Amino acid sequence: MIHCFAPIVRPQTRVLIIGSMPSIKSLDLQQYYAHPRNQFWKLIFDLLENGRKPVDYTDKVNALLNHRIGLWDVFAACHREGSLDSHITRKQPNDFPALFHTYPAIKTLLFSGKTAYTYFLHTFGTLEKNCYSLPSPSPAMAQLSYLEKRAIWKQTFIRAGLLGPNS
């Protein structure tokens, strides 16, 4: 069994980005989205930080938190050979009702991939949150180019109130 990281969240967090389970590289480095080909941090910094380059992982986390965005995974634990979501078995969900009780300002959920979105809705429903599915930033999601993913993420960030309509 592998286990996810603790949530990145604070009382002011109003948007929670939910993934499935950290990749092997992320687990090794103990950092969300640590695989160098994963586009998550590039999307975040392109859209929310005017394209600036992050200094380090602490800078990445602080950028999210400064925009009142949190980060967690749908699975608390699971079994997985490799890093692909399609290989996940023996799934155990994280306790989202408890997280939302502790952090009631979270009103919007953004799912970075269909696995997290589908599993969450099947397990919990919407929990009275605004829920949006985003294309996975993983290199395994090669059906869309970076620019196509960026356009979808941007429109979703606008709908979630993270960006203005003229951004």
N, C-alpha and C. Protein backbone atom coordinates (compact mmCIF):
# COMPACT_ATOMS: atom_id res chain seq x y z
N MET A 1 0.85 -1.19 0.00
CA MET A 1 0.00 0.00 0.00
C MET A 1 0.88 1.25 0.00
N ILE A 2 0.43 2.23 -0.74
CA ILE A 2 1.07 3.53 -0.70
C ILE A 2 0.09 4.52 -0.08
N HIS A 3 0.62 5.59 0.47
CA HIS A 3 -0.21 6.56 1.18
C HIS A 3 0.03 7.96 0.63
N CYS A 4 -1.01 8.76 0.64
CA CYS A 4 -0.90 10.13 0.14
C CYS A 4 -0.23 11.02 1.18
N PHE A 5 -0.02 12.26 0.79
CA PHE A 5 0.55 13.26 1.69
C PHE A 5 -0.57 13.92 2.49
N ALA A 6 -0.17 14.64 3.50
CA ALA A 6 -1.11 15.47 4.25
C ALA A 6 -1.64 16.56 3.32
N PRO A 7 -2.83 17.05 3.57
CA PRO A 7 -3.35 18.12 2.72
C PRO A 7 -2.56 19.41 2.92
N ILE A 8 -2.45 20.16 1.84
CA ILE A 8 -1.92 21.53 1.90
C ILE A 8 -3.15 22.42 1.97
N VAL A 9 -3.38 23.01 3.12
CA VAL A 9 -4.60 23.78 3.33
C VAL A 9 -4.41 24.67 4.55
N ARG A 10 -5.14 25.76 4.56
CA ARG A 10 -5.17 26.62 5.74
C ARG A 10 -6.57 27.22 5.85
N PRO A 11 -6.89 27.86 6.94
CA PRO A 11 -8.27 28.33 7.14
C PRO A 11 -8.82 29.21 6.02
N GLN A 12 -7.98 29.97 5.33
CA GLN A 12 -8.44 30.86 4.27
C GLN A 12 -8.68 30.14 2.94
N THR A 13 -8.30 28.88 2.85
CA THR A 13 -8.44 28.13 1.59
C THR A 13 -9.89 28.07 1.17
N ARG A 14 -10.16 28.43 -0.10
CA ARG A 14 -11.52 28.37 -0.61
C ARG A 14 -11.67 27.44 -1.81
N VAL A 15 -10.54 27.07 -2.43
CA VAL A 15 -10.54 26.14 -3.56
C VAL A 15 -9.58 25.00 -3.22
N LEU A 16 -10.03 23.78 -3.45
CA LEU A 16 -9.18 22.62 -3.20
C LEU A 16 -8.98 21.87 -4.51
N ILE A 17 -7.71 21.71 -4.91
CA ILE A 17 -7.39 20.90 -6.08
C ILE A 17 -7.15 19.48 -5.58
N ILE A 18 -7.84 18.53 -6.20
CA ILE A 18 -7.80 17.14 -5.75
C ILE A 18 -7.24 16.26 -6.87
N GLY A 19 -6.15 15.57 -6.56
CA GLY A 19 -5.57 14.59 -7.48
C GLY A 19 -5.96 13.19 -7.04
N SER A 20 -5.31 12.21 -7.62
CA SER A 20 -5.61 10.82 -7.26
C SER A 20 -4.64 10.32 -6.20
N MET A 21 -3.38 10.12 -6.57
CA MET A 21 -2.34 9.64 -5.67
C MET A 21 -1.00 10.10 -6.23
N PRO A 22 -0.07 10.54 -5.39
CA PRO A 22 1.23 10.98 -5.91
C PRO A 22 1.93 9.89 -6.71
N SER A 23 2.67 10.32 -7.73
CA SER A 23 3.45 9.40 -8.55
C SER A 23 4.61 8.83 -7.72
N ILE A 24 5.28 7.85 -8.28
CA ILE A 24 6.45 7.27 -7.62
C ILE A 24 7.49 8.37 -7.35
N LYS A 25 7.73 9.23 -8.34
CA LYS A 25 8.70 10.32 -8.18
C LYS A 25 8.27 11.27 -7.06
N SER A 26 6.99 11.60 -7.02
CA SER A 26 6.48 12.49 -5.97
C SER A 26 6.62 11.85 -4.60
N LEU A 27 6.30 10.56 -4.52
CA LEU A 27 6.45 9.86 -3.24
C LEU A 27 7.91 9.83 -2.80
N ASP A 28 8.82 9.59 -3.75
CA ASP A 28 10.25 9.57 -3.43
C ASP A 28 10.71 10.92 -2.89
N LEU A 29 10.26 12.01 -3.52
CA LEU A 29 10.70 13.35 -3.14
C LEU A 29 9.83 13.98 -2.06
N GLN A 30 8.69 13.32 -1.73
CA GLN A 30 7.75 13.85 -0.75
C GLN A 30 7.27 15.25 -1.14
N GLN A 31 6.90 15.37 -2.42
CA GLN A 31 6.38 16.63 -2.96
C GLN A 31 5.25 16.32 -3.94
N TYR A 32 4.18 17.08 -3.84
CA TYR A 32 3.11 16.95 -4.82
C TYR A 32 3.63 17.31 -6.21
N TYR A 33 3.22 16.53 -7.21
CA TYR A 33 3.52 16.79 -8.62
C TYR A 33 5.00 17.02 -8.88
N ALA A 34 5.84 16.10 -8.39
CA ALA A 34 7.29 16.27 -8.48
C ALA A 34 7.90 15.75 -9.77
N HIS A 35 7.17 14.95 -10.53
CA HIS A 35 7.74 14.44 -11.78
C HIS A 35 8.06 15.63 -12.70
N PRO A 36 9.27 15.71 -13.24
CA PRO A 36 9.65 16.88 -14.02
C PRO A 36 8.80 17.11 -15.28
N ARG A 37 8.16 16.07 -15.79
CA ARG A 37 7.31 16.24 -16.97
C ARG A 37 5.85 16.52 -16.62
N ASN A 38 5.50 16.44 -15.34
CA ASN A 38 4.14 16.78 -14.95
C ASN A 38 3.98 18.30 -15.09
N GLN A 39 2.87 18.72 -15.66
CA GLN A 39 2.66 20.13 -16.00
C GLN A 39 1.90 20.91 -14.93
N PHE A 40 1.61 20.29 -13.79
CA PHE A 40 0.82 20.95 -12.77
C PHE A 40 1.40 22.31 -12.36
N TRP A 41 2.65 22.33 -11.93
CA TRP A 41 3.23 23.57 -11.42
C TRP A 41 3.40 24.60 -12.53
N LYS A 42 3.69 24.16 -13.73
CA LYS A 42 3.79 25.09 -14.86
C LYS A 42 2.42 25.74 -15.11
N LEU A 43 1.35 24.96 -15.06
CA LEU A 43 0.01 25.52 -15.22
C LEU A 43 -0.30 26.53 -14.12
N ILE A 44 -0.01 26.16 -12.89
CA ILE A 44 -0.29 27.05 -11.76
C ILE A 44 0.46 28.36 -11.91
N PHE A 45 1.76 28.29 -12.21
CA PHE A 45 2.56 29.50 -12.29
C PHE A 45 2.27 30.31 -13.55
N ASP A 46 1.95 29.65 -14.65
CA ASP A 46 1.55 30.38 -15.85
C ASP A 46 0.26 31.16 -15.62
N LEU A 47 -0.71 30.51 -14.98
CA LEU A 47 -2.03 31.12 -14.83
C LEU A 47 -2.13 32.08 -13.65
N LEU A 48 -1.50 31.77 -12.55
CA LEU A 48 -1.69 32.56 -11.33
C LEU A 48 -0.52 33.45 -10.95
N GLU A 49 0.64 33.17 -11.50
CA GLU A 49 1.85 33.90 -11.11
C GLU A 49 2.52 34.56 -12.32
N ASN A 50 1.73 34.85 -13.35
CA ASN A 50 2.23 35.55 -14.55
C ASN A 50 3.45 34.87 -15.18
N GLY A 51 3.51 33.55 -15.09
CA GLY A 51 4.57 32.81 -15.74
C GLY A 51 5.90 32.79 -15.03
N ARG A 52 5.96 33.37 -13.83
CA ARG A 52 7.25 33.37 -13.13
C ARG A 52 7.66 31.94 -12.79
N LYS A 53 8.93 31.72 -12.68
CA LYS A 53 9.47 30.39 -12.37
C LYS A 53 9.55 30.22 -10.85
N PRO A 54 9.05 29.10 -10.33
CA PRO A 54 9.15 28.89 -8.88
C PRO A 54 10.60 28.68 -8.46
N VAL A 55 10.89 29.14 -7.24
CA VAL A 55 12.24 29.02 -6.69
C VAL A 55 12.49 27.59 -6.20
N ASP A 56 11.52 27.04 -5.49
CA ASP A 56 11.65 25.70 -4.92
C ASP A 56 10.25 25.21 -4.54
N TYR A 57 10.19 24.06 -3.90
CA TYR A 57 8.89 23.49 -3.55
C TYR A 57 8.14 24.36 -2.55
N THR A 58 8.84 24.96 -1.61
CA THR A 58 8.19 25.85 -0.65
C THR A 58 7.54 27.03 -1.37
N ASP A 59 8.20 27.56 -2.36
CA ASP A 59 7.65 28.65 -3.17
C ASP A 59 6.38 28.18 -3.89
N LYS A 60 6.41 26.97 -4.41
CA LYS A 60 5.24 26.42 -5.09
C LYS A 60 4.04 26.33 -4.14
N VAL A 61 4.28 25.77 -2.99
CA VAL A 61 3.20 25.62 -2.00
C VAL A 61 2.68 26.98 -1.56
N ASN A 62 3.59 27.90 -1.29
CA ASN A 62 3.17 29.23 -0.86
C ASN A 62 2.37 29.96 -1.93
N ALA A 63 2.72 29.77 -3.19
CA ALA A 63 1.95 30.38 -4.28
C ALA A 63 0.51 29.89 -4.26
N LEU A 64 0.33 28.58 -4.09
CA LEU A 64 -1.03 28.04 -3.99
C LEU A 64 -1.77 28.66 -2.81
N LEU A 65 -1.15 28.60 -1.65
CA LEU A 65 -1.81 29.09 -0.44
C LEU A 65 -2.12 30.59 -0.53
N ASN A 66 -1.24 31.36 -1.15
CA ASN A 66 -1.47 32.79 -1.30
C ASN A 66 -2.68 33.09 -2.19
N HIS A 67 -3.01 32.15 -3.06
CA HIS A 67 -4.20 32.29 -3.91
C HIS A 67 -5.41 31.59 -3.29
N ARG A 68 -5.26 31.20 -2.04
CA ARG A 68 -6.32 30.53 -1.27
C ARG A 68 -6.73 29.19 -1.90
N ILE A 69 -5.71 28.49 -2.39
CA ILE A 69 -5.90 27.17 -3.01
C ILE A 69 -5.20 26.13 -2.15
N GLY A 70 -5.88 25.02 -1.92
CA GLY A 70 -5.31 23.89 -1.21
C GLY A 70 -5.10 22.73 -2.17
N LEU A 71 -4.50 21.68 -1.65
CA LEU A 71 -4.14 20.53 -2.47
C LEU A 71 -4.23 19.26 -1.63
N TRP A 72 -4.87 18.25 -2.20
CA TRP A 72 -4.94 16.95 -1.54
C TRP A 72 -5.25 15.90 -2.58
N ASP A 73 -5.28 14.65 -2.16
CA ASP A 73 -5.59 13.55 -3.06
C ASP A 73 -6.86 12.84 -2.62
N VAL A 74 -7.55 12.27 -3.58
CA VAL A 74 -8.80 11.58 -3.29
C VAL A 74 -8.56 10.29 -2.50
N PHE A 75 -7.41 9.64 -2.76
CA PHE A 75 -7.10 8.39 -2.07
C PHE A 75 -6.16 8.63 -0.89
N ALA A 76 -6.54 8.12 0.25
CA ALA A 76 -5.66 8.14 1.42
C ALA A 76 -4.58 7.08 1.26
N ALA A 77 -4.98 5.95 0.69
CA ALA A 77 -4.07 4.83 0.47
C ALA A 77 -4.62 3.99 -0.67
N CYS A 78 -3.73 3.29 -1.33
CA CYS A 78 -4.13 2.38 -2.39
C CYS A 78 -2.94 1.48 -2.73
N HIS A 79 -3.19 0.55 -3.59
CA HIS A 79 -2.12 -0.26 -4.16
C HIS A 79 -2.00 0.17 -5.62
N ARG A 80 -0.75 0.34 -6.08
CA ARG A 80 -0.55 0.73 -7.48
C ARG A 80 0.82 0.27 -7.93
N GLU A 81 0.87 -0.43 -9.04
CA GLU A 81 2.13 -0.76 -9.69
C GLU A 81 2.45 0.39 -10.64
N GLY A 82 3.58 1.04 -10.46
CA GLY A 82 3.92 2.17 -11.30
C GLY A 82 3.19 3.43 -10.84
N SER A 83 2.98 4.35 -11.79
CA SER A 83 2.37 5.63 -11.43
C SER A 83 1.05 5.91 -12.13
N LEU A 84 0.60 5.00 -12.99
CA LEU A 84 -0.63 5.26 -13.74
C LEU A 84 -1.87 5.06 -12.87
N ASP A 85 -2.83 5.98 -13.01
CA ASP A 85 -4.10 5.85 -12.28
C ASP A 85 -4.83 4.58 -12.65
N SER A 86 -4.67 4.13 -13.88
CA SER A 86 -5.38 2.92 -14.32
C SER A 86 -4.90 1.67 -13.58
N HIS A 87 -3.79 1.76 -12.87
CA HIS A 87 -3.25 0.62 -12.12
C HIS A 87 -3.61 0.67 -10.64
N ILE A 88 -4.43 1.63 -10.23
CA ILE A 88 -4.79 1.77 -8.82
C ILE A 88 -5.83 0.73 -8.44
N THR A 89 -5.57 0.03 -7.34
CA THR A 89 -6.51 -0.94 -6.76
C THR A 89 -6.54 -0.74 -5.25
N ARG A 90 -7.44 -1.44 -4.59
CA ARG A 90 -7.58 -1.40 -3.13
C ARG A 90 -7.60 0.05 -2.61
N LYS A 91 -8.53 0.81 -3.14
CA LYS A 91 -8.62 2.25 -2.87
C LYS A 91 -9.25 2.52 -1.51
N GLN A 92 -8.65 3.46 -0.78
CA GLN A 92 -9.20 3.94 0.48
C GLN A 92 -9.30 5.46 0.39
N PRO A 93 -10.50 6.01 0.53
CA PRO A 93 -10.66 7.45 0.35
C PRO A 93 -10.15 8.25 1.55
N ASN A 94 -9.75 9.48 1.26
CA ASN A 94 -9.46 10.42 2.32
C ASN A 94 -10.77 10.87 2.95
N ASP A 95 -10.70 11.43 4.13
CA ASP A 95 -11.89 11.85 4.87
C ASP A 95 -12.22 13.31 4.53
N PHE A 96 -12.85 13.49 3.39
CA PHE A 96 -13.21 14.84 2.95
C PHE A 96 -14.27 15.49 3.83
N PRO A 97 -15.27 14.77 4.29
CA PRO A 97 -16.23 15.43 5.19
C PRO A 97 -15.54 16.05 6.41
N ALA A 98 -14.57 15.38 6.99
CA ALA A 98 -13.85 15.93 8.15
C ALA A 98 -13.01 17.14 7.73
N LEU A 99 -12.36 17.06 6.56
CA LEU A 99 -11.56 18.19 6.09
C LEU A 99 -12.45 19.42 5.89
N PHE A 100 -13.60 19.23 5.27
CA PHE A 100 -14.49 20.36 5.00
C PHE A 100 -15.13 20.90 6.29
N HIS A 101 -15.27 20.05 7.28
CA HIS A 101 -15.75 20.52 8.58
C HIS A 101 -14.70 21.43 9.24
N THR A 102 -13.44 21.02 9.11
CA THR A 102 -12.34 21.79 9.69
C THR A 102 -12.04 23.06 8.91
N TYR A 103 -12.25 23.00 7.58
CA TYR A 103 -11.96 24.14 6.70
C TYR A 103 -13.22 24.51 5.91
N PRO A 104 -14.17 25.16 6.57
CA PRO A 104 -15.47 25.43 5.93
C PRO A 104 -15.43 26.47 4.81
N ALA A 105 -14.34 27.19 4.65
CA ALA A 105 -14.25 28.18 3.56
C ALA A 105 -14.09 27.51 2.19
N ILE A 106 -13.74 26.22 2.17
CA ILE A 106 -13.59 25.52 0.90
C ILE A 106 -14.97 25.32 0.28
N LYS A 107 -15.17 25.96 -0.86
CA LYS A 107 -16.47 25.90 -1.55
C LYS A 107 -16.37 25.28 -2.94
N THR A 108 -15.14 25.23 -3.48
CA THR A 108 -14.94 24.77 -4.85
C THR A 108 -13.88 23.69 -4.89
N LEU A 109 -14.17 22.64 -5.66
CA LEU A 109 -13.25 21.52 -5.83
C LEU A 109 -12.86 21.42 -7.30
N LEU A 110 -11.57 21.39 -7.55
CA LEU A 110 -11.04 21.21 -8.89
C LEU A 110 -10.31 19.87 -8.91
N PHE A 111 -10.69 19.00 -9.82
CA PHE A 111 -10.10 17.66 -9.88
C PHE A 111 -9.10 17.60 -11.02
N SER A 112 -7.86 17.28 -10.70
CA SER A 112 -6.82 17.22 -11.73
C SER A 112 -6.77 15.82 -12.34
N GLY A 113 -7.82 15.51 -13.07
CA GLY A 113 -7.91 14.23 -13.76
C GLY A 113 -9.23 13.53 -13.49
N LYS A 114 -9.61 12.67 -14.42
CA LYS A 114 -10.90 11.98 -14.33
C LYS A 114 -10.97 10.96 -13.21
N THR A 115 -9.85 10.33 -12.88
CA THR A 115 -9.87 9.33 -11.81
C THR A 115 -10.32 9.96 -10.50
N ALA A 116 -9.71 11.07 -10.14
CA ALA A 116 -10.07 11.75 -8.89
C ALA A 116 -11.52 12.21 -8.93
N TYR A 117 -11.93 12.80 -10.04
CA TYR A 117 -13.29 13.34 -10.19
C TYR A 117 -14.33 12.22 -10.07
N THR A 118 -14.15 11.17 -10.83
CA THR A 118 -15.11 10.07 -10.85
C THR A 118 -15.21 9.39 -9.50
N TYR A 119 -14.06 9.08 -8.89
CA TYR A 119 -14.06 8.40 -7.60
C TYR A 119 -14.70 9.27 -6.52
N PHE A 120 -14.33 10.55 -6.49
CA PHE A 120 -14.88 11.45 -5.48
C PHE A 120 -16.40 11.52 -5.58
N LEU A 121 -16.91 11.79 -6.78
CA LEU A 121 -18.37 11.92 -6.94
C LEU A 121 -19.09 10.61 -6.62
N HIS A 122 -18.50 9.49 -6.99
CA HIS A 122 -19.11 8.19 -6.68
C HIS A 122 -19.11 7.93 -5.17
N THR A 123 -18.06 8.34 -4.48
CA THR A 123 -17.92 8.06 -3.05
C THR A 123 -18.65 9.07 -2.18
N PHE A 124 -18.58 10.35 -2.54
CA PHE A 124 -19.09 11.41 -1.67
C PHE A 124 -20.23 12.24 -2.25
N GLY A 125 -20.45 12.17 -3.56
CA GLY A 125 -21.34 13.15 -4.19
C GLY A 125 -20.61 14.48 -4.23
N THR A 126 -21.34 15.57 -4.35
CA THR A 126 -20.67 16.88 -4.44
C THR A 126 -20.38 17.49 -3.07
N LEU A 127 -20.99 16.97 -2.01
CA LEU A 127 -20.84 17.53 -0.67
C LEU A 127 -21.14 19.04 -0.67
N GLU A 128 -22.09 19.41 -1.52
CA GLU A 128 -22.53 20.81 -1.64
C GLU A 128 -21.40 21.76 -2.03
N LYS A 129 -20.47 21.27 -2.84
CA LYS A 129 -19.36 22.08 -3.36
C LYS A 129 -19.54 22.25 -4.87
N ASN A 130 -18.95 23.29 -5.41
CA ASN A 130 -18.86 23.45 -6.86
C ASN A 130 -17.73 22.55 -7.33
N CYS A 131 -18.02 21.63 -8.23
CA CYS A 131 -17.04 20.65 -8.67
C CYS A 131 -16.74 20.79 -10.15
N TYR A 132 -15.44 20.81 -10.49
CA TYR A 132 -15.00 20.93 -11.87
C TYR A 132 -13.90 19.91 -12.14
N SER A 133 -13.99 19.25 -13.28
CA SER A 133 -12.97 18.30 -13.69
C SER A 133 -12.01 18.98 -14.67
N LEU A 134 -10.73 18.83 -14.42
CA LEU A 134 -9.68 19.36 -15.27
C LEU A 134 -8.93 18.23 -15.96
N PRO A 135 -8.37 18.47 -17.12
CA PRO A 135 -7.52 17.43 -17.71
C PRO A 135 -6.28 17.22 -16.84
N SER A 136 -5.88 16.00 -16.73
CA SER A 136 -4.71 15.66 -15.92
C SER A 136 -3.47 16.38 -16.44
N PRO A 137 -2.65 16.91 -15.52
CA PRO A 137 -1.38 17.52 -15.92
C PRO A 137 -0.28 16.49 -16.14
N SER A 138 -0.60 15.22 -15.96
CA SER A 138 0.38 14.14 -16.08
C SER A 138 0.88 14.00 -17.52
N PRO A 139 2.15 13.59 -17.67
CA PRO A 139 2.65 13.33 -19.02
C PRO A 139 1.91 12.16 -19.68
N ALA A 140 1.25 11.32 -18.89
CA ALA A 140 0.49 10.21 -19.46
C ALA A 140 -0.76 10.71 -20.20
N MET A 141 -1.21 11.92 -19.91
CA MET A 141 -2.37 12.52 -20.57
C MET A 141 -1.86 13.30 -21.78
N ALA A 142 -1.45 12.57 -22.82
CA ALA A 142 -0.83 13.20 -23.99
C ALA A 142 -1.83 13.53 -25.09
N GLN A 143 -3.12 13.24 -24.87
CA GLN A 143 -4.12 13.53 -25.90
C GLN A 143 -4.27 15.04 -26.13
N LEU A 144 -3.96 15.83 -25.10
CA LEU A 144 -4.05 17.28 -25.21
C LEU A 144 -2.66 17.89 -25.09
N SER A 145 -2.41 18.91 -25.88
CA SER A 145 -1.14 19.64 -25.77
C SER A 145 -1.17 20.49 -24.50
N TYR A 146 0.00 21.00 -24.15
CA TYR A 146 0.06 21.89 -22.99
C TYR A 146 -0.87 23.08 -23.19
N LEU A 147 -0.86 23.68 -24.37
CA LEU A 147 -1.69 24.86 -24.62
C LEU A 147 -3.18 24.54 -24.53
N GLU A 148 -3.58 23.35 -24.97
CA GLU A 148 -4.98 22.95 -24.83
C GLU A 148 -5.35 22.76 -23.36
N LYS A 149 -4.48 22.11 -22.61
CA LYS A 149 -4.73 21.94 -21.17
C LYS A 149 -4.80 23.31 -20.49
N ARG A 150 -3.86 24.18 -20.83
CA ARG A 150 -3.81 25.51 -20.23
C ARG A 150 -5.11 26.27 -20.49
N ALA A 151 -5.63 26.19 -21.69
CA ALA A 151 -6.88 26.90 -22.02
C ALA A 151 -8.04 26.37 -21.18
N ILE A 152 -8.12 25.07 -20.99
CA ILE A 152 -9.19 24.48 -20.17
C ILE A 152 -9.02 24.86 -18.71
N TRP A 153 -7.79 24.76 -18.21
CA TRP A 153 -7.53 25.14 -16.82
C TRP A 153 -7.87 26.62 -16.61
N LYS A 154 -7.51 27.46 -17.57
CA LYS A 154 -7.78 28.89 -17.45
C LYS A 154 -9.29 29.14 -17.36
N GLN A 155 -10.06 28.55 -18.24
CA GLN A 155 -11.51 28.74 -18.21
C GLN A 155 -12.11 28.24 -16.89
N THR A 156 -11.59 27.14 -16.39
CA THR A 156 -12.08 26.60 -15.12
C THR A 156 -11.68 27.51 -13.97
N PHE A 157 -10.47 28.05 -14.00
CA PHE A 157 -10.04 28.99 -12.96
C PHE A 157 -10.93 30.24 -12.97
N ILE A 158 -11.32 30.68 -14.15
CA ILE A 158 -12.24 31.83 -14.24
C ILE A 158 -13.58 31.47 -13.60
N ARG A 159 -14.13 30.31 -13.95
CA ARG A 159 -15.42 29.88 -13.37
C ARG A 159 -15.32 29.71 -11.86
N ALA A 160 -14.13 29.30 -11.38
CA ALA A 160 -13.94 29.09 -9.93
C ALA A 160 -13.61 30.39 -9.19
N GLY A 161 -13.50 31.50 -9.91
CA GLY A 161 -13.21 32.78 -9.28
C GLY A 161 -11.74 33.01 -8.97
N LEU A 162 -10.87 32.19 -9.52
CA LEU A 162 -9.43 32.36 -9.29
C LEU A 162 -8.81 33.38 -10.22
N LEU A 163 -9.45 33.59 -11.36
CA LEU A 163 -9.00 34.56 -12.35
C LEU A 163 -10.18 35.42 -12.77
N GLY A 164 -9.90 36.65 -13.15
CA GLY A 164 -10.95 37.51 -13.69
C GLY A 164 -11.28 37.10 -15.12
N PRO A 165 -12.43 37.51 -15.62
CA PRO A 165 -12.86 37.10 -16.97
C PRO A 165 -11.95 37.63 -18.09
N ASN A 166 -11.18 38.65 -17.81
CA ASN A 166 -10.29 39.21 -18.84
C ASN A 166 -8.84 38.79 -18.63
N SER A 167 -8.61 37.76 -17.87
CA SER A 167 -7.24 37.32 -17.59
C SER A 167 -6.61 36.68 -18.80
